[in-house]
N, C-alpha and C. Protein backbone atom coordinates (compact mmCIF):
# COMPACT_ATOMS: atom_id res chain seq x y z
N MET A 1 -15.58 58.07 -46.88
CA MET A 1 -15.06 56.86 -47.43
C MET A 1 -14.09 56.20 -46.46
N ASN A 2 -13.32 56.99 -45.82
CA ASN A 2 -12.38 56.48 -44.84
C ASN A 2 -13.12 55.71 -43.74
N ARG A 3 -14.27 56.22 -43.36
CA ARG A 3 -15.06 55.60 -42.33
C ARG A 3 -15.61 54.26 -42.81
N SER A 4 -15.98 54.12 -44.05
CA SER A 4 -16.51 52.87 -44.62
C SER A 4 -15.44 51.81 -44.64
N ILE A 5 -14.21 52.22 -44.96
CA ILE A 5 -13.12 51.25 -45.00
C ILE A 5 -12.83 50.75 -43.59
N ARG A 6 -12.87 51.65 -42.64
CA ARG A 6 -12.63 51.24 -41.26
C ARG A 6 -13.71 50.28 -40.77
N LEU A 7 -14.94 50.57 -41.07
CA LEU A 7 -16.03 49.69 -40.66
C LEU A 7 -15.92 48.32 -41.32
N ALA A 8 -15.55 48.31 -42.61
CA ALA A 8 -15.40 47.05 -43.33
C ALA A 8 -14.24 46.24 -42.73
N ALA A 9 -13.13 46.90 -42.42
CA ALA A 9 -11.97 46.22 -41.84
C ALA A 9 -12.33 45.67 -40.45
N LEU A 10 -13.07 46.47 -39.69
CA LEU A 10 -13.50 46.03 -38.37
C LEU A 10 -14.43 44.82 -38.46
N ALA A 11 -15.35 44.85 -39.42
CA ALA A 11 -16.27 43.73 -39.61
C ALA A 11 -15.52 42.47 -40.03
N LEU A 12 -14.53 42.62 -40.94
CA LEU A 12 -13.74 41.46 -41.38
C LEU A 12 -12.90 40.91 -40.22
N THR A 13 -12.35 41.76 -39.40
CA THR A 13 -11.57 41.33 -38.25
C THR A 13 -12.44 40.58 -37.26
N ALA A 14 -13.63 41.09 -36.98
CA ALA A 14 -14.57 40.44 -36.06
C ALA A 14 -14.98 39.07 -36.61
N LEU A 15 -15.24 39.01 -37.90
CA LEU A 15 -15.62 37.74 -38.53
C LEU A 15 -14.46 36.73 -38.44
N ALA A 16 -13.25 37.19 -38.69
CA ALA A 16 -12.09 36.30 -38.64
C ALA A 16 -11.87 35.79 -37.21
N LEU A 17 -12.00 36.67 -36.22
CA LEU A 17 -11.83 36.25 -34.83
C LEU A 17 -12.92 35.29 -34.40
N THR A 18 -14.14 35.54 -34.82
CA THR A 18 -15.25 34.66 -34.45
C THR A 18 -15.05 33.28 -35.05
N THR A 19 -14.62 33.20 -36.27
CA THR A 19 -14.41 31.91 -36.94
C THR A 19 -13.21 31.18 -36.34
N ALA A 20 -12.13 31.87 -36.09
CA ALA A 20 -10.92 31.24 -35.59
C ALA A 20 -11.07 30.82 -34.12
N CYS A 21 -11.65 31.67 -33.28
CA CYS A 21 -11.74 31.38 -31.86
C CYS A 21 -12.95 30.52 -31.51
N GLY A 22 -14.06 30.79 -32.11
CA GLY A 22 -15.29 30.09 -31.77
C GLY A 22 -15.45 28.81 -32.54
N GLY A 23 -14.69 28.63 -33.57
CA GLY A 23 -14.83 27.43 -34.40
C GLY A 23 -16.03 27.57 -35.29
N SER A 24 -16.17 26.68 -36.22
CA SER A 24 -17.33 26.66 -37.11
C SER A 24 -17.73 25.22 -37.30
N ASP A 25 -18.87 25.05 -37.91
CA ASP A 25 -19.34 23.71 -38.16
C ASP A 25 -18.81 23.18 -39.48
N GLY A 26 -17.92 23.93 -40.09
CA GLY A 26 -17.41 23.52 -41.40
C GLY A 26 -16.41 22.39 -41.29
N ASP A 27 -16.19 21.68 -42.41
CA ASP A 27 -15.29 20.54 -42.45
C ASP A 27 -13.84 20.95 -42.23
N LYS A 28 -13.46 22.16 -42.69
CA LYS A 28 -12.06 22.56 -42.57
C LYS A 28 -11.64 22.70 -41.10
N ALA A 29 -12.51 23.27 -40.27
CA ALA A 29 -12.16 23.44 -38.86
C ALA A 29 -12.07 22.08 -38.18
N ASP A 30 -13.00 21.17 -38.49
CA ASP A 30 -12.96 19.84 -37.89
C ASP A 30 -11.74 19.06 -38.36
N ALA A 31 -11.41 19.19 -39.62
CA ALA A 31 -10.25 18.47 -40.14
C ALA A 31 -8.97 18.94 -39.47
N GLY A 32 -8.89 20.21 -39.13
CA GLY A 32 -7.71 20.73 -38.44
C GLY A 32 -7.61 20.23 -37.02
N GLN A 33 -8.75 19.92 -36.39
CA GLN A 33 -8.74 19.44 -35.01
C GLN A 33 -8.54 17.94 -34.93
N ARG A 34 -8.93 17.20 -35.94
CA ARG A 34 -8.85 15.74 -35.89
C ARG A 34 -7.43 15.22 -35.66
N PRO A 35 -6.42 15.70 -36.38
CA PRO A 35 -5.08 15.15 -36.13
C PRO A 35 -4.62 15.38 -34.69
N ALA A 36 -4.92 16.52 -34.11
CA ALA A 36 -4.51 16.78 -32.73
C ALA A 36 -5.21 15.83 -31.78
N GLN A 37 -6.51 15.59 -32.01
CA GLN A 37 -7.24 14.67 -31.17
C GLN A 37 -6.72 13.24 -31.34
N ALA A 38 -6.37 12.86 -32.57
CA ALA A 38 -5.84 11.52 -32.83
C ALA A 38 -4.50 11.33 -32.13
N GLU A 39 -3.66 12.38 -32.14
CA GLU A 39 -2.37 12.28 -31.46
C GLU A 39 -2.56 12.11 -29.96
N GLN A 40 -3.53 12.84 -29.39
CA GLN A 40 -3.78 12.72 -27.96
C GLN A 40 -4.31 11.34 -27.62
N ALA A 41 -5.18 10.79 -28.45
CA ALA A 41 -5.74 9.47 -28.20
C ALA A 41 -4.67 8.39 -28.36
N ALA A 42 -3.72 8.59 -29.26
CA ALA A 42 -2.70 7.58 -29.51
C ALA A 42 -1.56 7.64 -28.50
N ALA A 43 -1.48 8.71 -27.72
CA ALA A 43 -0.40 8.84 -26.73
C ALA A 43 -0.55 7.75 -25.68
N PRO A 44 0.54 7.09 -25.30
CA PRO A 44 0.43 6.02 -24.30
C PRO A 44 0.07 6.58 -22.93
N ALA A 45 -0.67 5.80 -22.18
CA ALA A 45 -1.05 6.20 -20.83
C ALA A 45 0.18 6.12 -19.93
N VAL A 46 0.23 7.00 -18.97
CA VAL A 46 1.34 6.98 -18.02
C VAL A 46 1.05 5.88 -17.01
N THR A 47 2.01 5.00 -16.82
CA THR A 47 1.86 3.93 -15.85
C THR A 47 3.03 3.95 -14.88
N PHE A 48 2.78 3.45 -13.70
CA PHE A 48 3.80 3.37 -12.68
C PHE A 48 4.03 1.90 -12.35
N PRO A 49 5.24 1.52 -12.01
CA PRO A 49 5.48 0.12 -11.68
C PRO A 49 4.75 -0.27 -10.40
N ALA A 50 4.38 -1.54 -10.33
CA ALA A 50 3.72 -2.05 -9.13
C ALA A 50 4.71 -2.03 -7.97
N PRO A 51 4.22 -1.82 -6.75
CA PRO A 51 5.13 -1.84 -5.61
C PRO A 51 5.84 -3.19 -5.54
N SER A 52 7.10 -3.17 -5.22
CA SER A 52 7.88 -4.41 -5.17
C SER A 52 7.82 -5.06 -3.79
N GLY A 53 7.22 -4.44 -2.85
CA GLY A 53 7.11 -4.99 -1.51
C GLY A 53 6.97 -3.88 -0.50
N ALA A 54 6.89 -4.28 0.72
CA ALA A 54 6.76 -3.29 1.79
C ALA A 54 8.06 -2.52 1.94
N PRO A 55 7.97 -1.27 2.34
CA PRO A 55 9.20 -0.51 2.55
C PRO A 55 10.02 -1.12 3.69
N ALA A 56 11.31 -0.94 3.59
CA ALA A 56 12.20 -1.45 4.64
C ALA A 56 11.94 -0.69 5.94
N PRO A 57 12.13 -1.34 7.07
CA PRO A 57 11.93 -0.63 8.34
C PRO A 57 12.99 0.44 8.53
N ALA A 58 12.65 1.41 9.34
CA ALA A 58 13.59 2.50 9.63
C ALA A 58 14.83 1.93 10.31
N ALA A 59 16.00 2.41 9.90
CA ALA A 59 17.25 1.95 10.50
C ALA A 59 17.38 2.43 11.93
N THR A 60 16.82 3.60 12.21
CA THR A 60 16.84 4.17 13.55
C THR A 60 15.49 4.82 13.81
N LEU A 61 14.94 4.62 14.98
CA LEU A 61 13.67 5.25 15.34
C LEU A 61 13.92 6.63 15.92
N ALA A 62 13.12 7.61 15.48
CA ALA A 62 13.26 8.97 15.98
C ALA A 62 12.88 9.04 17.46
N LYS A 63 11.78 8.35 17.81
CA LYS A 63 11.34 8.31 19.20
C LYS A 63 11.58 6.88 19.70
N VAL A 64 12.51 6.72 20.59
CA VAL A 64 12.88 5.39 21.09
C VAL A 64 11.75 4.86 21.98
N PRO A 65 11.23 3.67 21.66
CA PRO A 65 10.15 3.09 22.48
C PRO A 65 10.67 2.65 23.85
N ALA A 66 9.74 2.48 24.74
CA ALA A 66 10.09 1.97 26.07
C ALA A 66 10.54 0.52 25.94
N LYS A 67 11.36 0.08 26.86
CA LYS A 67 11.86 -1.29 26.84
C LYS A 67 10.67 -2.26 26.89
N GLY A 68 10.66 -3.22 25.96
CA GLY A 68 9.59 -4.21 25.89
C GLY A 68 8.37 -3.77 25.09
N GLU A 69 8.33 -2.51 24.65
CA GLU A 69 7.18 -2.00 23.91
C GLU A 69 7.14 -2.54 22.48
N VAL A 70 5.93 -2.86 22.01
CA VAL A 70 5.71 -3.25 20.61
C VAL A 70 4.66 -2.29 20.06
N ARG A 71 5.05 -1.54 19.04
CA ARG A 71 4.13 -0.58 18.39
C ARG A 71 3.57 -1.20 17.12
N LEU A 72 2.33 -0.84 16.79
CA LEU A 72 1.74 -1.21 15.51
C LEU A 72 1.89 -0.03 14.57
N GLU A 73 2.61 -0.24 13.49
CA GLU A 73 2.82 0.83 12.50
C GLU A 73 1.55 0.99 11.67
N GLN A 74 1.08 2.22 11.52
CA GLN A 74 -0.11 2.47 10.72
C GLN A 74 0.21 2.23 9.25
N GLY A 75 -0.71 1.59 8.55
CA GLY A 75 -0.51 1.29 7.15
C GLY A 75 -1.84 1.11 6.45
N PRO A 76 -1.82 0.61 5.22
CA PRO A 76 -3.04 0.53 4.42
C PRO A 76 -4.07 -0.47 4.95
N PHE A 77 -3.68 -1.38 5.83
CA PHE A 77 -4.62 -2.40 6.31
C PHE A 77 -4.98 -2.24 7.78
N THR A 78 -4.35 -1.36 8.49
CA THR A 78 -4.56 -1.29 9.94
C THR A 78 -5.96 -0.84 10.33
N ASP A 79 -6.68 -0.21 9.40
CA ASP A 79 -8.06 0.18 9.72
C ASP A 79 -9.03 -1.01 9.58
N ARG A 80 -8.56 -2.12 9.03
CA ARG A 80 -9.41 -3.30 8.82
C ARG A 80 -9.11 -4.43 9.80
N VAL A 81 -8.18 -4.21 10.71
CA VAL A 81 -7.76 -5.28 11.62
C VAL A 81 -7.69 -4.79 13.06
N ARG A 82 -7.64 -5.76 13.97
CA ARG A 82 -7.44 -5.46 15.38
C ARG A 82 -6.27 -6.32 15.85
N VAL A 83 -5.24 -5.69 16.35
CA VAL A 83 -4.07 -6.41 16.86
C VAL A 83 -3.98 -6.12 18.35
N THR A 84 -4.04 -7.18 19.13
CA THR A 84 -4.03 -7.04 20.59
C THR A 84 -2.99 -7.97 21.20
N LYS A 85 -2.79 -7.84 22.49
CA LYS A 85 -1.88 -8.68 23.27
C LYS A 85 -0.45 -8.67 22.71
N LEU A 86 -0.03 -7.54 22.15
CA LEU A 86 1.33 -7.45 21.61
C LEU A 86 2.35 -7.55 22.72
N GLN A 87 3.36 -8.38 22.48
CA GLN A 87 4.38 -8.59 23.49
C GLN A 87 5.71 -8.95 22.83
N LEU A 88 6.77 -8.36 23.33
CA LEU A 88 8.12 -8.72 22.91
C LEU A 88 8.60 -9.78 23.89
N SER A 89 8.90 -10.95 23.37
CA SER A 89 9.31 -12.07 24.23
C SER A 89 10.74 -12.45 23.93
N GLU A 90 11.42 -12.92 24.95
CA GLU A 90 12.76 -13.47 24.75
C GLU A 90 12.81 -14.83 25.43
N LYS A 91 13.17 -15.81 24.64
CA LYS A 91 13.24 -17.17 25.17
C LYS A 91 14.55 -17.37 25.91
N ALA A 92 14.63 -18.46 26.64
CA ALA A 92 15.85 -18.79 27.39
C ALA A 92 17.05 -18.91 26.45
N SER A 93 16.79 -19.28 25.20
CA SER A 93 17.87 -19.42 24.22
C SER A 93 18.39 -18.07 23.75
N GLY A 94 17.73 -16.98 24.17
CA GLY A 94 18.15 -15.64 23.75
C GLY A 94 17.47 -15.16 22.50
N LYS A 95 16.58 -15.98 21.91
CA LYS A 95 15.87 -15.57 20.69
C LYS A 95 14.66 -14.72 21.05
N SER A 96 14.55 -13.59 20.36
CA SER A 96 13.42 -12.68 20.57
C SER A 96 12.31 -13.00 19.58
N SER A 97 11.09 -12.62 19.94
CA SER A 97 9.95 -12.75 19.04
C SER A 97 8.88 -11.75 19.45
N VAL A 98 7.97 -11.48 18.52
CA VAL A 98 6.81 -10.65 18.82
C VAL A 98 5.60 -11.57 18.76
N THR A 99 4.81 -11.58 19.81
CA THR A 99 3.60 -12.38 19.84
C THR A 99 2.40 -11.45 20.00
N GLY A 100 1.24 -11.96 19.61
CA GLY A 100 0.03 -11.18 19.76
C GLY A 100 -1.16 -11.91 19.19
N HIS A 101 -2.26 -11.19 19.10
CA HIS A 101 -3.51 -11.74 18.56
C HIS A 101 -3.98 -10.83 17.44
N PHE A 102 -4.32 -11.43 16.31
CA PHE A 102 -4.69 -10.70 15.10
C PHE A 102 -6.11 -11.09 14.69
N ALA A 103 -6.97 -10.09 14.42
CA ALA A 103 -8.33 -10.36 13.95
C ALA A 103 -8.70 -9.35 12.88
N ILE A 104 -9.37 -9.83 11.85
CA ILE A 104 -9.88 -8.96 10.79
C ILE A 104 -11.25 -8.48 11.22
N THR A 105 -11.47 -7.18 11.16
CA THR A 105 -12.74 -6.61 11.62
C THR A 105 -13.63 -6.15 10.48
N SER A 106 -13.12 -6.09 9.25
CA SER A 106 -13.87 -5.47 8.16
C SER A 106 -14.81 -6.42 7.43
N ASP A 107 -14.50 -7.71 7.36
CA ASP A 107 -15.38 -8.65 6.66
C ASP A 107 -15.13 -10.05 7.18
N VAL A 108 -15.84 -11.02 6.62
CA VAL A 108 -15.73 -12.39 7.11
C VAL A 108 -15.25 -13.36 6.03
N SER A 109 -14.65 -12.86 4.97
CA SER A 109 -14.17 -13.75 3.92
C SER A 109 -12.84 -14.38 4.33
N ASP A 110 -12.52 -15.50 3.68
CA ASP A 110 -11.28 -16.20 3.99
C ASP A 110 -10.07 -15.35 3.67
N VAL A 111 -9.02 -15.55 4.42
CA VAL A 111 -7.75 -14.84 4.20
C VAL A 111 -6.92 -15.67 3.24
N LEU A 112 -6.63 -15.11 2.08
CA LEU A 112 -5.79 -15.80 1.10
C LEU A 112 -4.32 -15.61 1.41
N ALA A 113 -3.96 -14.45 1.94
CA ALA A 113 -2.56 -14.18 2.29
C ALA A 113 -2.51 -13.11 3.37
N LEU A 114 -1.67 -13.35 4.35
CA LEU A 114 -1.45 -12.38 5.43
C LEU A 114 0.03 -12.45 5.78
N GLU A 115 0.63 -11.29 5.91
CA GLU A 115 2.00 -11.23 6.40
C GLU A 115 2.09 -10.13 7.44
N LEU A 116 2.67 -10.48 8.57
CA LEU A 116 2.98 -9.52 9.62
C LEU A 116 4.49 -9.45 9.71
N ARG A 117 5.03 -8.24 9.75
CA ARG A 117 6.49 -8.06 9.85
C ARG A 117 6.83 -7.34 11.14
N ALA A 118 7.84 -7.84 11.79
CA ALA A 118 8.32 -7.22 13.02
C ALA A 118 9.73 -6.71 12.80
N ALA A 119 9.95 -5.45 13.14
CA ALA A 119 11.28 -4.85 13.11
C ALA A 119 11.73 -4.73 14.56
N PHE A 120 12.87 -5.33 14.87
CA PHE A 120 13.38 -5.36 16.24
C PHE A 120 14.43 -4.27 16.43
N TYR A 121 14.34 -3.53 17.54
CA TYR A 121 15.25 -2.41 17.82
C TYR A 121 15.93 -2.59 19.18
N ASP A 122 17.17 -2.09 19.28
CA ASP A 122 17.88 -2.15 20.56
C ASP A 122 17.45 -0.97 21.44
N GLU A 123 18.06 -0.83 22.61
CA GLU A 123 17.66 0.21 23.57
C GLU A 123 17.86 1.62 23.05
N SER A 124 18.77 1.81 22.10
CA SER A 124 18.98 3.16 21.55
C SER A 124 18.16 3.41 20.29
N GLY A 125 17.30 2.46 19.91
CA GLY A 125 16.42 2.66 18.77
C GLY A 125 17.02 2.29 17.42
N HIS A 126 18.12 1.52 17.43
CA HIS A 126 18.75 1.06 16.18
C HIS A 126 18.20 -0.31 15.79
N LEU A 127 17.93 -0.49 14.51
CA LEU A 127 17.42 -1.75 13.99
C LEU A 127 18.45 -2.87 14.19
N VAL A 128 18.01 -3.98 14.78
CA VAL A 128 18.91 -5.12 14.98
C VAL A 128 18.45 -6.36 14.22
N GLY A 129 17.30 -6.26 13.55
CA GLY A 129 16.83 -7.39 12.75
C GLY A 129 15.34 -7.31 12.46
N THR A 130 14.89 -8.22 11.60
CA THR A 130 13.47 -8.28 11.24
C THR A 130 13.00 -9.72 11.26
N GLY A 131 11.71 -9.89 11.42
CA GLY A 131 11.09 -11.20 11.37
C GLY A 131 9.71 -11.09 10.78
N SER A 132 9.09 -12.23 10.47
CA SER A 132 7.77 -12.17 9.88
C SER A 132 6.93 -13.37 10.28
N PHE A 133 5.64 -13.25 10.01
CA PHE A 133 4.66 -14.31 10.24
C PHE A 133 3.78 -14.34 9.00
N GLN A 134 3.67 -15.49 8.34
CA GLN A 134 2.80 -15.64 7.18
C GLN A 134 1.65 -16.58 7.52
N TYR A 135 0.49 -16.31 6.89
CA TYR A 135 -0.71 -17.07 7.20
C TYR A 135 -1.60 -17.12 5.97
N ALA A 136 -2.26 -18.27 5.75
CA ALA A 136 -3.26 -18.41 4.69
C ALA A 136 -4.29 -19.42 5.15
N GLU A 137 -5.53 -19.22 4.75
CA GLU A 137 -6.59 -20.14 5.14
C GLU A 137 -7.00 -21.09 4.04
N GLU A 138 -6.75 -20.72 2.79
CA GLU A 138 -7.18 -21.55 1.68
C GLU A 138 -6.06 -21.76 0.70
N GLY A 139 -6.26 -22.71 -0.19
CA GLY A 139 -5.28 -22.96 -1.24
C GLY A 139 -4.09 -23.74 -0.73
N GLU A 140 -3.09 -23.85 -1.58
CA GLU A 140 -1.90 -24.64 -1.26
C GLU A 140 -1.17 -24.12 -0.03
N ALA A 141 -1.08 -22.79 0.10
CA ALA A 141 -0.37 -22.23 1.25
C ALA A 141 -1.08 -22.58 2.55
N GLY A 142 -2.40 -22.51 2.56
CA GLY A 142 -3.15 -22.86 3.75
C GLY A 142 -3.05 -24.33 4.08
N GLU A 143 -3.11 -25.18 3.05
CA GLU A 143 -3.00 -26.61 3.27
C GLU A 143 -1.60 -26.99 3.77
N ALA A 144 -0.58 -26.39 3.19
CA ALA A 144 0.79 -26.70 3.61
C ALA A 144 1.03 -26.23 5.04
N ALA A 145 0.52 -25.07 5.39
CA ALA A 145 0.75 -24.52 6.72
C ALA A 145 0.00 -25.29 7.80
N HIS A 146 -1.17 -25.83 7.44
CA HIS A 146 -2.02 -26.44 8.46
C HIS A 146 -2.19 -27.94 8.29
N GLY A 147 -1.64 -28.52 7.21
CA GLY A 147 -1.66 -29.96 7.02
C GLY A 147 -3.00 -30.56 6.67
N THR A 148 -3.98 -29.75 6.36
CA THR A 148 -5.30 -30.28 6.00
C THR A 148 -5.82 -29.54 4.78
N PRO A 149 -6.68 -30.21 3.98
CA PRO A 149 -7.31 -29.48 2.88
C PRO A 149 -8.21 -28.39 3.48
N GLY A 150 -8.14 -27.23 2.91
CA GLY A 150 -8.89 -26.11 3.48
C GLY A 150 -8.24 -25.70 4.78
N HIS A 151 -9.01 -25.15 5.69
CA HIS A 151 -8.45 -24.72 6.97
C HIS A 151 -9.46 -25.00 8.06
N ALA A 152 -9.14 -25.91 8.94
CA ALA A 152 -10.08 -26.30 9.99
C ALA A 152 -9.83 -25.58 11.30
N GLY A 153 -8.70 -24.91 11.44
CA GLY A 153 -8.35 -24.26 12.70
C GLY A 153 -8.97 -22.89 12.86
N PRO A 154 -8.48 -22.12 13.82
CA PRO A 154 -8.99 -20.76 14.02
C PRO A 154 -8.79 -19.92 12.76
N ARG A 155 -9.65 -18.94 12.58
CA ARG A 155 -9.59 -18.09 11.40
C ARG A 155 -9.29 -16.65 11.80
N ALA A 156 -8.63 -15.93 10.88
CA ALA A 156 -8.24 -14.55 11.17
C ALA A 156 -9.46 -13.63 11.26
N GLU A 157 -10.49 -13.91 10.47
CA GLU A 157 -11.69 -13.08 10.57
C GLU A 157 -12.51 -13.56 11.77
N GLY A 158 -13.27 -12.68 12.34
CA GLY A 158 -14.05 -13.05 13.52
C GLY A 158 -13.19 -13.04 14.77
N ALA A 159 -13.08 -14.21 15.43
CA ALA A 159 -12.35 -14.33 16.70
C ALA A 159 -10.86 -14.06 16.53
N GLY A 160 -10.28 -14.41 15.38
CA GLY A 160 -8.88 -14.11 15.12
C GLY A 160 -7.93 -15.25 15.44
N ILE A 161 -6.65 -14.98 15.28
CA ILE A 161 -5.60 -15.98 15.47
C ILE A 161 -4.48 -15.40 16.33
N ASP A 162 -3.76 -16.28 16.99
CA ASP A 162 -2.55 -15.89 17.69
C ASP A 162 -1.39 -15.99 16.71
N PHE A 163 -0.39 -15.15 16.86
CA PHE A 163 0.76 -15.19 15.95
C PHE A 163 2.05 -15.00 16.72
N THR A 164 3.12 -15.46 16.09
CA THR A 164 4.48 -15.24 16.60
C THR A 164 5.35 -14.88 15.41
N ALA A 165 5.97 -13.71 15.45
CA ALA A 165 6.91 -13.28 14.41
C ALA A 165 8.32 -13.45 14.95
N VAL A 166 9.07 -14.34 14.32
CA VAL A 166 10.42 -14.68 14.77
C VAL A 166 11.41 -14.22 13.71
N PRO A 167 12.51 -13.60 14.13
CA PRO A 167 13.50 -13.18 13.14
C PRO A 167 14.15 -14.39 12.47
N LYS A 168 14.32 -14.33 11.15
CA LYS A 168 14.96 -15.43 10.41
C LYS A 168 16.45 -15.48 10.69
N PRO A 169 17.21 -14.46 10.31
CA PRO A 169 18.63 -14.50 10.66
C PRO A 169 18.78 -14.07 12.12
N PRO A 170 19.87 -14.41 12.75
CA PRO A 170 20.05 -13.96 14.14
C PRO A 170 20.11 -12.43 14.20
N LEU A 171 19.61 -11.89 15.29
CA LEU A 171 19.64 -10.44 15.49
C LEU A 171 21.08 -9.98 15.68
N THR A 172 21.36 -8.75 15.28
CA THR A 172 22.72 -8.20 15.42
C THR A 172 22.94 -7.56 16.78
N GLY A 173 21.93 -7.59 17.62
CA GLY A 173 22.02 -7.03 18.97
C GLY A 173 20.84 -7.54 19.78
N LYS A 174 20.72 -7.05 20.99
CA LYS A 174 19.62 -7.46 21.86
C LYS A 174 18.39 -6.59 21.60
N ALA A 175 17.27 -7.24 21.31
CA ALA A 175 16.03 -6.52 21.03
C ALA A 175 15.45 -5.95 22.32
N ALA A 176 15.14 -4.66 22.30
CA ALA A 176 14.52 -4.01 23.45
C ALA A 176 13.10 -3.58 23.15
N SER A 177 12.77 -3.44 21.85
CA SER A 177 11.43 -3.04 21.43
C SER A 177 11.22 -3.52 20.00
N ALA A 178 9.98 -3.35 19.51
CA ALA A 178 9.69 -3.78 18.14
C ALA A 178 8.58 -2.93 17.55
N VAL A 179 8.56 -2.91 16.22
CA VAL A 179 7.49 -2.25 15.47
C VAL A 179 6.89 -3.30 14.55
N LEU A 180 5.57 -3.50 14.64
CA LEU A 180 4.87 -4.50 13.85
C LEU A 180 4.13 -3.79 12.72
N SER A 181 4.21 -4.37 11.51
CA SER A 181 3.47 -3.82 10.37
C SER A 181 2.69 -4.93 9.68
N VAL A 182 1.69 -4.54 8.88
CA VAL A 182 0.87 -5.49 8.12
C VAL A 182 1.04 -5.14 6.64
N PRO A 183 2.12 -5.65 5.99
CA PRO A 183 2.34 -5.29 4.59
C PRO A 183 1.47 -6.05 3.60
N VAL A 184 0.94 -7.23 3.98
CA VAL A 184 0.13 -8.02 3.06
C VAL A 184 -1.13 -8.50 3.77
N LEU A 185 -2.27 -8.22 3.16
CA LEU A 185 -3.56 -8.74 3.62
C LEU A 185 -4.45 -8.89 2.40
N VAL A 186 -4.71 -10.14 2.01
CA VAL A 186 -5.54 -10.41 0.83
C VAL A 186 -6.71 -11.28 1.28
N ASN A 187 -7.91 -10.75 1.10
CA ASN A 187 -9.12 -11.50 1.44
C ASN A 187 -9.73 -12.05 0.15
N GLU A 188 -10.53 -13.10 0.32
CA GLU A 188 -11.21 -13.70 -0.82
C GLU A 188 -12.26 -12.76 -1.34
């Protein structure tokens, strides 16, 4: 008799474990799962704020560039563009600028917005100022920049355009090198 009770208890335990762990097709098991699923579905999705702009340039460069050197900083758009003829220029007035040639290599659609940023550094690699170059081929920005409806001049895609990035406020020191970045590139 003792053996029968043990077998019955073992059978009941196995049945209970099978029903609890494996689930059943019964309404009670589904009803117990529905509220948990509803809570998961009602939970808000995790969202992150949109980037507010390009990161600020480094205050000091770890590896000081050679005098007159202009580096292109790798970023999300540098694989889609070709930047050549980079040069750090200083005018007789003492104003520095970064000049070069910019071409889009990935497609041939119009450029809705382009921004190139130049960070200017002194001989010891300390930031002395920043400048930028903005460009658009279509829309109000393109018309205002070029004085014509649409854009009749050179285009960034294909052959490309020449650019000059000039610092807005005066530099806090003499520029010896620069780092160029492409924080904005929007194609049609």
